[in-house]
C-alpha atoms as a PDB file:
ATOM      1  CA  UNK A   1      78.524 127.272 129.925  1.00  0.00           C
ATOM      2  CA  UNK A   2      78.269 124.049 131.899  1.00  0.00           C
ATOM      3  CA  UNK A   3      81.460 122.562 133.341  1.00  0.00           C
ATOM      4  CA  UNK A   4      81.612 118.810 133.837  1.00  0.00           C
ATOM      5  CA  UNK A   5      83.206 118.051 137.184  1.00  0.00           C
ATOM      6  CA  UNK A   6      83.255 114.278 136.846  1.00  0.00           C
ATOM      7  CA  UNK A   7      84.867 112.058 134.253  1.00  0.00           C
ATOM      8  CA  UNK A   8      84.501 108.332 133.587  1.00  0.00           C
ATOM      9  CA  UNK A   9      87.173 106.098 135.088  1.00  0.00           C
ATOM     10  CA  UNK A  10      90.216 105.580 132.908  1.00  0.00           C
ATOM     11  CA  UNK A  11      89.692 102.432 130.806  1.00  0.00           C
ATOM     12  CA  UNK A  12      91.927  99.537 131.711  1.00  0.00           C
ATOM     13  CA  UNK A  13      93.595  96.513 130.194  1.00  0.00           C
ATOM     14  CA  UNK A  14      90.495  94.886 128.704  1.00  0.00           C
ATOM     15  CA  UNK A  15      89.423  98.150 127.126  1.00  0.00           C
ATOM     16  CA  UNK A  16      92.635  98.066 125.114  1.00  0.00           C
ATOM     17  CA  UNK A  17      91.836  94.530 123.936  1.00  0.00           C
ATOM     18  CA  UNK A  18      88.306  95.522 122.889  1.00  0.00           C
ATOM     19  CA  UNK A  19      89.678  98.553 121.050  1.00  0.00           C
ATOM     20  CA  UNK A  20      92.010  96.264 119.100  1.00  0.00           C
ATOM     21  CA  UNK A  21      89.155  94.130 117.824  1.00  0.00           C
ATOM     22  CA  UNK A  22      87.079  97.205 117.099  1.00  0.00           C
ATOM     23  CA  UNK A  23      89.940  98.458 114.920  1.00  0.00           C
ATOM     24  CA  UNK A  24      90.109  95.122 113.105  1.00  0.00           C
ATOM     25  CA  UNK A  25      86.383  95.255 112.399  1.00  0.00           C
ATOM     26  CA  UNK A  26      86.494  98.865 111.215  1.00  0.00           C
ATOM     27  CA  UNK A  27      89.364  98.269 108.835  1.00  0.00           C
ATOM     28  CA  UNK A  28      87.933  95.221 107.108  1.00  0.00           C
ATOM     29  CA  UNK A  29      84.501  96.852 106.730  1.00  0.00           C
ATOM     30  CA  UNK A  30      85.943  99.958 105.012  1.00  0.00           C
ATOM     31  CA  UNK A  31      87.412  98.814 101.669  1.00  0.00           C
ATOM     32  CA  UNK A  32      88.389 102.392 100.797  1.00  0.00           C
ATOM     33  CA  UNK A  33      91.113 102.151 103.445  1.00  0.00           C
ATOM     34  CA  UNK A  34      92.712  98.981 102.096  1.00  0.00           C
ATOM     35  CA  UNK A  35      94.898 100.727  99.528  1.00  0.00           C
ATOM     36  CA  UNK A  36      96.766 102.647 102.255  1.00  0.00           C
ATOM     37  CA  UNK A  37      97.876  99.364 103.805  1.00  0.00           C
ATOM     38  CA  UNK A  38      98.624  97.352 100.679  1.00  0.00           C
ATOM     39  CA  UNK A  39     102.003  98.774  99.642  1.00  0.00           C
ATOM     40  CA  UNK A  40     103.857  98.695 103.001  1.00  0.00           C
ATOM     41  CA  UNK A  41     102.508  95.207 103.732  1.00  0.00           C
ATOM     42  CA  UNK A  42     103.711  93.948 100.341  1.00  0.00           C
ATOM     43  CA  UNK A  43     107.081  95.650 100.903  1.00  0.00           C
ATOM     44  CA  UNK A  44     107.589  93.861 104.239  1.00  0.00           C
ATOM     45  CA  UNK A  45     106.572  90.500 102.745  1.00  0.00           C
ATOM     46  CA  UNK A  46     108.934  90.934  99.757  1.00  0.00           C
ATOM     47  CA  UNK A  47     111.797  91.993 102.038  1.00  0.00           C
ATOM     48  CA  UNK A  48     111.224  88.938 104.235  1.00  0.00           C
ATOM     49  CA  UNK A  49     111.097  86.630 101.199  1.00  0.00           C
ATOM     50  CA  UNK A  50     114.372  87.992  99.771  1.00  0.00           C
ATOM     51  CA  UNK A  51     116.035  87.696 103.186  1.00  0.00           C
ATOM     52  CA  UNK A  52     114.907  84.079 103.520  1.00  0.00           C
ATOM     53  CA  UNK A  53     116.050  83.160 100.005  1.00  0.00           C
ATOM     54  CA  UNK A  54     119.407  84.881 100.491  1.00  0.00           C
ATOM     55  CA  UNK A  55     120.044  82.985 103.711  1.00  0.00           C
ATOM     56  CA  UNK A  56     119.157  79.692 102.036  1.00  0.00           C
ATOM     57  CA  UNK A  57     121.750  80.341  99.325  1.00  0.00           C
ATOM     58  CA  UNK A  58     124.319  81.420 101.913  1.00  0.00           C
ATOM     59  CA  UNK A  59     123.965  78.321 104.084  1.00  0.00           C
ATOM     60  CA  UNK A  60     123.619  75.905 101.163  1.00  0.00           C
ATOM     61  CA  UNK A  61     126.202  77.245  98.736  1.00  0.00           C
ATOM     62  CA  UNK A  62     128.782  78.829 101.050  1.00  0.00           C
ATOM     63  CA  UNK A  63     128.545  76.752 104.224  1.00  0.00           C
ATOM     64  CA  UNK A  64     127.616  73.570 102.309  1.00  0.00           C
ATOM     65  CA  UNK A  65     124.687  72.644 104.524  1.00  0.00           C
ATOM     66  CA  UNK A  66     122.029  70.307 103.197  1.00  0.00           C
ATOM     67  CA  UNK A  67     119.230  72.122 101.403  1.00  0.00           C
ATOM     68  CA  UNK A  68     116.598  71.019 103.908  1.00  0.00           C
ATOM     69  CA  UNK A  69     118.717  72.155 106.855  1.00  0.00           C
ATOM     70  CA  UNK A  70     119.581  75.429 105.138  1.00  0.00           C
ATOM     71  CA  UNK A  71     115.895  76.079 104.355  1.00  0.00           C
ATOM     72  CA  UNK A  72     114.679  75.409 107.896  1.00  0.00           C
ATOM     73  CA  UNK A  73     117.517  77.401 109.467  1.00  0.00           C
ATOM     74  CA  UNK A  74     116.932  80.333 107.115  1.00  0.00           C
ATOM     75  CA  UNK A  75     113.209  80.301 107.857  1.00  0.00           C
ATOM     76  CA  UNK A  76     113.875  80.374 111.606  1.00  0.00           C
ATOM     77  CA  UNK A  77     116.334  83.275 111.304  1.00  0.00           C
ATOM     78  CA  UNK A  78     114.022  85.241 109.005  1.00  0.00           C
ATOM     79  CA  UNK A  79     111.070  84.676 111.321  1.00  0.00           C
ATOM     80  CA  UNK A  80     113.062  85.704 114.390  1.00  0.00           C
ATOM     81  CA  UNK A  81     114.395  88.767 112.607  1.00  0.00           C
ATOM     82  CA  UNK A  82     110.871  89.744 111.588  1.00  0.00           C
ATOM     83  CA  UNK A  83     109.725  89.529 115.211  1.00  0.00           C
ATOM     84  CA  UNK A  84     112.637  91.652 116.391  1.00  0.00           C
ATOM     85  CA  UNK A  85     112.773  94.173 113.558  1.00  0.00           C
ATOM     86  CA  UNK A  86     109.074  94.571 112.881  1.00  0.00           C
ATOM     87  CA  UNK A  87     108.577  97.858 114.778  1.00  0.00           C
ATOM     88  CA  UNK A  88     111.504  99.396 112.883  1.00  0.00           C
ATOM     89  CA  UNK A  89     110.245  98.005 109.553  1.00  0.00           C
ATOM     90  CA  UNK A  90     106.836  99.394 110.322  1.00  0.00           C
ATOM     91  CA  UNK A  91     108.184 102.879 111.006  1.00  0.00           C
ATOM     92  CA  UNK A  92     110.439 102.914 107.933  1.00  0.00           C
ATOM     93  CA  UNK A  93     108.296 101.196 105.288  1.00  0.00           C
ATOM     94  CA  UNK A  94     104.776 101.827 106.507  1.00  0.00           C
ATOM     95  CA  UNK A  95     104.929 105.179 108.238  1.00  0.00           C
ATOM     96  CA  UNK A  96     104.018 107.411 105.293  1.00  0.00           C
ATOM     97  CA  UNK A  97     101.198 105.155 104.118  1.00  0.00           C
ATOM     98  CA  UNK A  98      99.794 104.529 107.588  1.00  0.00           C
ATOM     99  CA  UNK A  99      99.803 108.236 108.397  1.00  0.00           C
ATOM    100  CA  UNK A 100      97.458 108.603 105.442  1.00  0.00           C
ATOM    101  CA  UNK A 101      95.326 105.744 106.778  1.00  0.00           C
ATOM    102  CA  UNK A 102      95.126 107.428 110.181  1.00  0.00           C
ATOM    103  CA  UNK A 103      93.963 110.664 108.562  1.00  0.00           C
ATOM    104  CA  UNK A 104      91.214 108.765 106.727  1.00  0.00           C
ATOM    105  CA  UNK A 105      90.030 107.138 109.968  1.00  0.00           C
ATOM    106  CA  UNK A 106      89.746 110.522 111.657  1.00  0.00           C
ATOM    107  CA  UNK A 107      87.873 111.939 108.682  1.00  0.00           C
ATOM    108  CA  UNK A 108      85.543 109.031 107.916  1.00  0.00           C
ATOM    109  CA  UNK A 109      84.721 107.836 111.442  1.00  0.00           C
ATOM    110  CA  UNK A 110      85.244 110.866 113.678  1.00  0.00           C
ATOM    111  CA  UNK A 111      84.557 113.610 111.109  1.00  0.00           C
ATOM    112  CA  UNK A 112      87.711 115.423 112.172  1.00  0.00           C
ATOM    113  CA  UNK A 113      90.317 117.053 109.966  1.00  0.00           C
ATOM    114  CA  UNK A 114      93.686 118.572 110.756  1.00  0.00           C
ATOM    115  CA  UNK A 115      95.887 121.324 109.460  1.00  0.00           C
ATOM    116  CA  UNK A 116      99.075 120.020 107.760  1.00  0.00           C
ATOM    117  CA  UNK A 117     102.160 120.116 109.978  1.00  0.00           C
ATOM    118  CA  UNK A 118     105.306 121.960 108.904  1.00  0.00           C
ATOM    119  CA  UNK A 119     107.703 119.654 107.080  1.00  0.00           C
ATOM    120  CA  UNK A 120     110.491 120.080 109.627  1.00  0.00           C
ATOM    121  CA  UNK A 121     108.162 119.266 112.504  1.00  0.00           C
ATOM    122  CA  UNK A 122     106.912 116.138 110.732  1.00  0.00           C
ATOM    123  CA  UNK A 123     110.469 114.938 110.084  1.00  0.00           C
ATOM    124  CA  UNK A 124     111.447 115.500 113.717  1.00  0.00           C
ATOM    125  CA  UNK A 125     108.410 113.585 114.923  1.00  0.00           C
ATOM    126  CA  UNK A 126     109.039 110.695 112.522  1.00  0.00           C
ATOM    127  CA  UNK A 127     112.703 110.436 113.573  1.00  0.00           C
ATOM    128  CA  UNK A 128     111.694 110.397 117.229  1.00  0.00           C
ATOM    129  CA  UNK A 129     109.156 107.632 116.546  1.00  0.00           C
ATOM    130  CA  UNK A 130     111.769 105.650 114.622  1.00  0.00           C
ATOM    131  CA  UNK A 131     114.238 106.119 117.473  1.00  0.00           C
ATOM    132  CA  UNK A 132     111.656 104.771 119.915  1.00  0.00           C
ATOM    133  CA  UNK A 133     111.278 101.629 117.807  1.00  0.00           C
ATOM    134  CA  UNK A 134     115.058 101.228 117.560  1.00  0.00           C
ATOM    135  CA  UNK A 135     115.318 101.456 121.352  1.00  0.00           C
ATOM    136  CA  UNK A 136     112.717  98.689 121.624  1.00  0.00           C
ATOM    137  CA  UNK A 137     114.888  96.577 119.333  1.00  0.00           C
ATOM    138  CA  UNK A 138     118.040  97.243 121.366  1.00  0.00           C
ATOM    139  CA  UNK A 139     116.226  96.404 124.604  1.00  0.00           C
ATOM    140  CA  UNK A 140     114.991  93.140 123.125  1.00  0.00           C
ATOM    141  CA  UNK A 141     118.404  91.763 122.143  1.00  0.00           C
ATOM    142  CA  UNK A 142     119.647  90.976 125.707  1.00  0.00           C
ATOM    143  CA  UNK A 143     116.302  89.284 126.445  1.00  0.00           C
ATOM    144  CA  UNK A 144     116.195  87.193 123.282  1.00  0.00           C
ATOM    145  CA  UNK A 145     116.544  83.984 125.309  1.00  0.00           C
ATOM    146  CA  UNK A 146     113.037  84.586 126.726  1.00  0.00           C
ATOM    147  CA  UNK A 147     111.552  84.438 123.234  1.00  0.00           C
ATOM    148  CA  UNK A 148     113.124  81.016 122.685  1.00  0.00           C
ATOM    149  CA  UNK A 149     111.566  79.368 125.765  1.00  0.00           C
ATOM    150  CA  UNK A 150     109.102  76.688 124.549  1.00  0.00           C
ATOM    151  CA  UNK A 151     105.379  77.391 125.032  1.00  0.00           C
ATOM    152  CA  UNK A 152     105.761  80.403 127.334  1.00  0.00           C
ATOM    153  CA  UNK A 153     108.400  82.395 125.442  1.00  0.00           C
ATOM    154  CA  UNK A 154     106.085  84.286 123.077  1.00  0.00           C
ATOM    155  CA  UNK A 155     103.515  85.243 125.787  1.00  0.00           C
ATOM    156  CA  UNK A 156     106.282  86.455 128.113  1.00  0.00           C
ATOM    157  CA  UNK A 157     107.915  88.393 125.284  1.00  0.00           C
ATOM    158  CA  UNK A 158     104.577  89.995 124.429  1.00  0.00           C
ATOM    159  CA  UNK A 159     103.967  91.019 128.023  1.00  0.00           C
ATOM    160  CA  UNK A 160     107.433  92.580 128.351  1.00  0.00           C
ATOM    161  CA  UNK A 161     107.337  94.525 125.076  1.00  0.00           C
ATOM    162  CA  UNK A 162     103.591  94.825 124.470  1.00  0.00           C
ATOM    163  CA  UNK A 163     103.337  98.305 125.978  1.00  0.00           C
ATOM    164  CA  UNK A 164     106.128  99.707 123.816  1.00  0.00           C
ATOM    165  CA  UNK A 165     104.619  97.974 120.791  1.00  0.00           C
ATOM    166  CA  UNK A 166     101.288  99.669 121.527  1.00  0.00           C
ATOM    167  CA  UNK A 167     102.905 103.079 121.914  1.00  0.00           C
ATOM    168  CA  UNK A 168     104.570 102.748 118.495  1.00  0.00           C
ATOM    169  CA  UNK A 169     101.117 102.658 116.897  1.00  0.00           C
ATOM    170  CA  UNK A 170     100.018 105.838 118.661  1.00  0.00           C
ATOM    171  CA  UNK A 171     102.583 107.949 116.833  1.00  0.00           C
ATOM    172  CA  UNK A 172     100.575 108.351 113.609  1.00  0.00           C
ATOM    173  CA  UNK A 173      97.650 109.768 115.563  1.00  0.00           C
ATOM    174  CA  UNK A 174      99.943 112.020 117.555  1.00  0.00           C
ATOM    175  CA  UNK A 175     101.388 113.353 114.321  1.00  0.00           C
ATOM    176  CA  UNK A 176      97.868 114.159 113.097  1.00  0.00           C
ATOM    177  CA  UNK A 177      97.025 115.918 116.355  1.00  0.00           C
ATOM    178  CA  UNK A 178     100.027 118.221 116.115  1.00  0.00           C
ATOM    179  CA  UNK A 179     101.732 116.826 119.209  1.00  0.00           C
ATOM    180  CA  UNK A 180     105.392 116.274 119.793  1.00  0.00           C
ATOM    181  CA  UNK A 181     106.439 112.632 120.116  1.00  0.00           C
ATOM    182  CA  UNK A 182     107.251 113.301 123.770  1.00  0.00           C
ATOM    183  CA  UNK A 183     103.676 114.485 124.360  1.00  0.00           C
ATOM    184  CA  UNK A 184     102.291 111.338 122.725  1.00  0.00           C
ATOM    185  CA  UNK A 185     104.444 109.163 124.962  1.00  0.00           C
ATOM    186  CA  UNK A 186     103.437 111.192 128.015  1.00  0.00           C
ATOM    187  CA  UNK A 187      99.771 110.643 127.200  1.00  0.00           C
ATOM    188  CA  UNK A 188     100.372 106.906 126.798  1.00  0.00           C
ATOM    189  CA  UNK A 189     102.109 106.759 130.177  1.00  0.00           C
ATOM    190  CA  UNK A 190      98.898 107.968 131.853  1.00  0.00           C
ATOM    191  CA  UNK A 191      96.947 105.128 130.227  1.00  0.00           C
ATOM    192  CA  UNK A 192      99.406 102.287 130.603  1.00  0.00           C
ATOM    193  CA  UNK A 193      96.868  99.526 131.228  1.00  0.00           C
ATOM    194  CA  UNK A 194      94.809 100.251 128.125  1.00  0.00           C
ATOM    195  CA  UNK A 195      97.905 100.644 125.931  1.00  0.00           C
ATOM    196  CA  UNK A 196      99.350  97.419 127.344  1.00  0.00           C
ATOM    197  CA  UNK A 197      96.105  95.539 126.630  1.00  0.00           C
ATOM    198  CA  UNK A 198      96.124  96.806 123.070  1.00  0.00           C
ATOM    199  CA  UNK A 199      99.849  96.283 122.485  1.00  0.00           C
ATOM    200  CA  UNK A 200     100.123  92.820 124.037  1.00  0.00           C
ATOM    201  CA  UNK A 201      97.109  91.543 122.095  1.00  0.00           C
ATOM    202  CA  UNK A 202      98.425  92.986 118.836  1.00  0.00           C
ATOM    203  CA  UNK A 203     101.885  91.509 119.411  1.00  0.00           C
ATOM    204  CA  UNK A 204     100.413  88.079 120.179  1.00  0.00           C
ATOM    205  CA  UNK A 205      98.461  88.120 116.908  1.00  0.00           C
ATOM    206  CA  UNK A 206     101.586  89.051 114.986  1.00  0.00           C
ATOM    207  CA  UNK A 207     103.716  86.445 116.801  1.00  0.00           C
ATOM    208  CA  UNK A 208     101.301  83.527 116.567  1.00  0.00           C
ATOM    209  CA  UNK A 209     100.484  84.184 112.898  1.00  0.00           C
ATOM    210  CA  UNK A 210     103.775  85.545 111.499  1.00  0.00           C
ATOM    211  CA  UNK A 211     102.742  85.715 107.833  1.00  0.00           C
ATOM    212  CA  UNK A 212      98.969  86.176 108.036  1.00  0.00           C
ATOM    213  CA  UNK A 213      99.590  88.539 110.939  1.00  0.00           C
ATOM    214  CA  UNK A 214     101.007  91.114 108.529  1.00  0.00           C
ATOM    215  CA  UNK A 215      97.475  91.559 107.167  1.00  0.00           C
ATOM    216  CA  UNK A 216      96.423  92.791 110.609  1.00  0.00           C
ATOM    217  CA  UNK A 217      99.072  95.496 110.829  1.00  0.00           C
ATOM    218  CA  UNK A 218      96.866  98.227 109.286  1.00  0.00           C
ATOM    219  CA  UNK A 219      94.105  97.100 111.651  1.00  0.00           C
ATOM    220  CA  UNK A 220      96.436  97.933 114.531  1.00  0.00           C
ATOM    221  CA  UNK A 221      96.819 101.456 113.126  1.00  0.00           C
ATOM    222  CA  UNK A 222      93.035 101.889 113.123  1.00  0.00           C
ATOM    223  CA  UNK A 223      92.789 100.350 116.585  1.00  0.00           C
ATOM    224  CA  UNK A 224      95.306 102.854 117.932  1.00  0.00           C
ATOM    225  CA  UNK A 225      92.951 105.655 116.888  1.00  0.00           C
ATOM    226  CA  UNK A 226      90.120 103.874 118.714  1.00  0.00           C
ATOM    227  CA  UNK A 227      92.248 103.603 121.836  1.00  0.00           C
ATOM    228  CA  UNK A 228      93.293 107.248 121.750  1.00  0.00           C
ATOM    229  CA  UNK A 229      89.956 108.837 120.931  1.00  0.00           C
ATOM    230  CA  UNK A 230      87.751 106.781 123.230  1.00  0.00           C
ATOM    231  CA  UNK A 231      89.883 107.142 126.353  1.00  0.00           C
ATOM    232  CA  UNK A 232      89.002 110.245 128.403  1.00  0.00           C
ATOM    233  CA  UNK A 233      91.960 112.522 129.003  1.00  0.00           C
ATOM    234  CA  UNK A 234      91.295 115.619 131.080  1.00  0.00           C
ATOM    235  CA  UNK A 235      94.620 117.231 130.250  1.00  0.00           C
ATOM    236  CA  UNK A 236      94.493 116.733 126.482  1.00  0.00           C
ATOM    237  CA  UNK A 237      94.068 119.735 124.235  1.00  0.00           C
ATOM    238  CA  UNK A 238      90.731 119.429 122.381  1.00  0.00           C
ATOM    239  CA  UNK A 239      91.061 118.145 118.850  1.00  0.00           C
ATOM    240  CA  UNK A 240      90.521 120.669 116.058  1.00  0.00           C
ATOM    241  CA  UNK A 241      87.145 119.797 114.544  1.00  0.00           C
ATOM    242  CA  UNK A 242      86.125 120.829 111.067  1.00  0.00           C
ATOM    243  CA  UNK A 243      83.352 123.390 111.436  1.00  0.00           C
ATOM    244  CA  UNK A 244      80.104 122.929 109.569  1.00  0.00           C
ATOM    245  CA  UNK A 245      79.602 125.524 106.880  1.00  0.00           C
END
């Protein structure tokens, strides 16, 4: 048995960006995957619409603001809340559907299948992933003023939180691989540049195109698989591959 003593250099920041666009291309060229992304995306859009409409009624009817002012103010609050709460919304509304999408990517593109995880282990992993997203939200609140800086606020915000945003998309793949959430985060910490390139680019797309950007969310899930599977990792346990009969 031949042992490989050399490995390719760890991909960097621009590899993460290329992986993002590869994920976008893969998703939109595989219509069979679209159904996994439809329901959580619709749920987030409906939730945002109800929030916006409720705020309009609150400001117009209760605080007696002009309808135009109430509409614009409600839109700004809803948009800001979507930016801040999106990772949490993703974990809560999209997690189950996107886990299924991740499994399909592994099966259709990489020809790899996985044994189902015990229910308790899956719940623990999901709660840990949700907690990670909540921590991102809590960290963002004291730095909200950065987001509001004209022209440079969104890029700076994306740079600060892009890495954590990228890690949040790795959790579905980690769940498939049978890892603990801590192991997934540990792996990401050894590939910070690539994860940052992926996460910052994804966050910029979502921030610059707040409504249309939701259509790219499932693409980010696919891209996270591309990032994880195409980055060499000497310490990773080999993935279980379905044996040919």
